[in-house]
Amino acid sequence: MTTPDDDARDTTPAAVRELRLVVTAQDYDAALAFYRDALGLPERAAYASEDGRVTILEAGRATLEIADPAQAEFIDDVEVGRRVAGHVRVAFEVPDATEATGRLEAAGAEVLARPTRTPWRSLNARLEGPAGLQLTLFEELGPADGTEPGAADGAAAG
């Protein structure tokens, strides 16, 4: 099993350098205001032409979490109490899940579940955001024993 420190020392060129989730939003301006301004994702670049507009927002470190249907159902049950997510859900680590949930609710998100403590030691909230994205906001609480969180903490958090 590798740890994040092992990954930092690996000098092998990666086949993938960036994960970019591309979302088509019917209301582009509302989605941009929500994700950039309310959630706080910094704008990396924006392009406009007569054919349309696109904005690239920074979302920190990106990971791709693959879950089987049983695990996806378990995560939904823990976070919301029932199966609600489709096959794609976007999870954002935030410093304060309660504050971020309130801020995003005020910006128009539908709160499906308020922040809930999970078995994997995070505080997770579930929202329905613009452009049809279901969002998990998660705040890492750290291990019960006070040591640094391990790689497994983040794997189940999203």
Protein backbone atom coordinates (compact mmCIF):
# COMPACT_ATOMS: atom_id res chain seq x y z
CA MET A 1 0.00 0.00 0.00
CA THR A 2 1.37 3.42 -0.91
CA THR A 3 0.95 6.56 1.14
CA PRO A 4 0.76 10.17 -0.04
CA ASP A 5 4.43 10.54 0.99
CA ASP A 6 5.37 7.63 -1.28
CA ASP A 7 3.59 9.35 -4.16
CA ALA A 8 5.52 12.59 -3.52
CA ARG A 9 8.85 10.71 -3.85
CA ASP A 10 7.85 8.84 -7.01
CA THR A 11 9.71 10.31 -9.99
CA THR A 12 8.02 8.11 -12.61
CA PRO A 13 6.21 10.29 -15.15
CA ALA A 14 2.47 9.98 -14.56
CA ALA A 15 0.24 8.98 -17.44
CA VAL A 16 -2.32 11.53 -16.22
CA ARG A 17 -1.35 14.97 -14.95
CA GLU A 18 -4.75 16.46 -14.15
CA LEU A 19 -8.32 15.34 -13.63
CA ARG A 20 -10.77 17.80 -15.17
CA LEU A 21 -14.47 17.26 -14.57
CA VAL A 22 -16.36 19.00 -17.39
CA VAL A 23 -19.95 20.03 -16.64
CA THR A 24 -22.41 21.45 -19.16
CA ALA A 25 -24.61 23.94 -17.34
CA GLN A 26 -27.85 25.20 -18.87
CA ASP A 27 -27.55 28.33 -16.70
CA TYR A 28 -23.83 29.03 -17.10
CA ASP A 29 -23.85 32.30 -15.14
CA ALA A 30 -25.67 30.79 -12.14
CA ALA A 31 -23.37 27.74 -12.10
CA LEU A 32 -20.27 29.95 -12.35
CA ALA A 33 -21.48 32.20 -9.52
CA PHE A 34 -22.22 29.17 -7.34
CA TYR A 35 -19.01 27.18 -7.87
CA ARG A 36 -16.58 30.10 -8.22
CA ASP A 37 -18.09 32.72 -5.92
CA ALA A 38 -20.10 30.80 -3.31
CA LEU A 39 -18.02 27.61 -3.06
CA GLY A 40 -14.81 29.57 -3.61
CA LEU A 41 -13.10 27.64 -6.41
CA PRO A 42 -10.45 30.01 -7.85
CA GLU A 43 -10.68 30.79 -11.55
CA ARG A 44 -7.70 29.44 -13.50
CA ALA A 45 -8.82 30.55 -16.97
CA ALA A 46 -11.87 31.66 -18.90
CA TYR A 47 -12.50 31.58 -22.62
CA ALA A 48 -15.30 33.08 -24.69
CA SER A 49 -16.05 33.11 -28.38
CA GLU A 50 -19.11 33.50 -30.54
CA ASP A 51 -19.60 29.74 -30.05
CA GLY A 52 -19.81 29.83 -26.25
CA ARG A 53 -18.04 30.24 -22.91
CA VAL A 54 -16.00 28.02 -20.60
CA THR A 55 -14.35 28.73 -17.26
CA ILE A 56 -11.78 26.44 -15.65
CA LEU A 57 -11.91 26.47 -11.85
CA GLU A 58 -9.22 25.15 -9.52
CA ALA A 59 -10.49 22.52 -7.11
CA GLY A 60 -7.32 21.67 -5.20
CA ARG A 61 -6.02 18.16 -5.51
CA ALA A 62 -8.16 15.93 -7.72
CA THR A 63 -8.82 12.24 -7.22
CA LEU A 64 -11.08 9.77 -8.95
CA GLU A 65 -12.97 7.65 -6.47
CA ILE A 66 -14.50 4.47 -7.87
CA ALA A 67 -17.14 2.74 -5.75
CA ASP A 68 -19.16 -0.36 -6.37
CA PRO A 69 -22.97 -0.05 -5.98
CA ALA A 70 -22.93 -1.49 -2.44
CA GLN A 71 -20.36 1.08 -1.23
CA ALA A 72 -22.17 3.94 -2.99
CA GLU A 73 -25.37 2.88 -1.25
CA PHE A 74 -23.55 2.69 2.11
CA ILE A 75 -22.10 6.22 1.66
CA ASP A 76 -25.55 7.59 0.74
CA ASP A 77 -27.07 5.85 3.75
CA VAL A 78 -24.45 7.34 6.11
CA GLU A 79 -24.60 10.85 4.63
CA VAL A 80 -28.30 11.14 3.75
CA GLY A 81 -30.13 8.13 5.18
CA ARG A 82 -31.20 6.74 1.80
CA ARG A 83 -29.92 6.17 -1.74
CA VAL A 84 -29.99 9.53 -3.55
CA ALA A 85 -26.91 9.90 -5.78
CA GLY A 86 -26.68 8.99 -9.41
CA HIS A 87 -23.56 7.44 -10.88
CA VAL A 88 -21.58 10.70 -10.49
CA ARG A 89 -21.24 12.77 -7.32
CA VAL A 90 -18.67 15.49 -6.69
CA ALA A 91 -16.99 15.67 -3.27
CA PHE A 92 -15.18 18.78 -2.03
CA GLU A 93 -13.00 18.83 1.07
CA VAL A 94 -13.71 22.05 2.98
CA PRO A 95 -12.26 23.36 6.24
CA ASP A 96 -15.72 23.77 7.85
CA ALA A 97 -18.57 21.64 6.48
CA THR A 98 -21.25 23.37 8.56
CA GLU A 99 -20.24 26.86 7.41
CA ALA A 100 -19.85 25.78 3.77
CA THR A 101 -23.25 24.06 3.79
CA GLY A 102 -24.93 27.23 5.02
CA ARG A 103 -23.07 29.39 2.52
CA LEU A 104 -23.99 27.14 -0.41
CA GLU A 105 -27.60 26.83 0.74
CA ALA A 106 -27.80 30.64 0.76
CA ALA A 107 -26.36 30.58 -2.79
CA GLY A 108 -29.16 28.31 -4.00
CA ALA A 109 -28.10 24.72 -3.30
CA GLU A 110 -30.71 22.30 -2.01
CA VAL A 111 -29.49 20.69 1.20
CA LEU A 112 -30.25 16.97 1.10
CA ALA A 113 -28.53 16.28 4.43
CA ARG A 114 -26.87 18.58 6.95
CA PRO A 115 -23.31 17.75 8.12
CA THR A 116 -23.17 14.27 9.62
CA ARG A 117 -20.27 12.55 11.39
CA THR A 118 -19.22 9.50 9.37
CA PRO A 119 -17.58 6.23 10.43
CA TRP A 120 -14.49 7.29 8.48
CA ARG A 121 -14.00 10.37 10.74
CA SER A 122 -15.25 13.17 8.59
CA LEU A 123 -18.17 15.55 8.78
CA ASN A 124 -20.12 15.20 5.51
CA ALA A 125 -23.04 17.17 4.07
CA ARG A 126 -24.95 16.39 0.88
CA LEU A 127 -26.32 19.06 -1.46
CA GLU A 128 -27.84 19.35 -4.90
CA GLY A 129 -25.96 22.08 -6.75
CA PRO A 130 -26.39 23.88 -10.06
CA ALA A 131 -25.96 21.99 -13.32
CA GLY A 132 -27.51 18.87 -11.78
CA LEU A 133 -24.47 18.01 -9.65
CA GLN A 134 -24.91 16.22 -6.37
CA LEU A 135 -22.23 17.42 -3.97
CA THR A 136 -20.67 16.06 -0.82
CA LEU A 137 -18.89 18.60 1.35
CA PHE A 138 -16.51 16.86 3.70
CA GLU A 139 -14.43 18.12 6.60
CA GLU A 140 -11.71 15.74 7.74
CA LEU A 141 -11.85 15.30 11.52
CA GLY A 142 -8.62 13.33 11.84
CA PRO A 143 -8.12 10.06 13.67
CA ALA A 144 -9.50 9.51 17.16
CA ASP A 145 -5.99 8.89 18.53
CA GLY A 146 -4.59 12.25 17.37
CA THR A 147 -2.14 10.84 14.78
CA GLU A 148 -2.05 12.02 11.20
CA PRO A 149 -4.93 10.80 9.01
CA GLY A 150 -4.03 7.92 6.72
CA ALA A 151 -4.78 7.46 3.04
CA ALA A 152 -7.83 5.34 3.86
CA ASP A 153 -9.59 8.30 5.54
CA GLY A 154 -10.00 10.17 2.26
CA ALA A 155 -10.94 7.08 0.26
CA ALA A 156 -14.26 6.66 1.99
CA ALA A 157 -14.91 10.33 2.68
CA GLY A 158 -16.19 11.23 -0.73
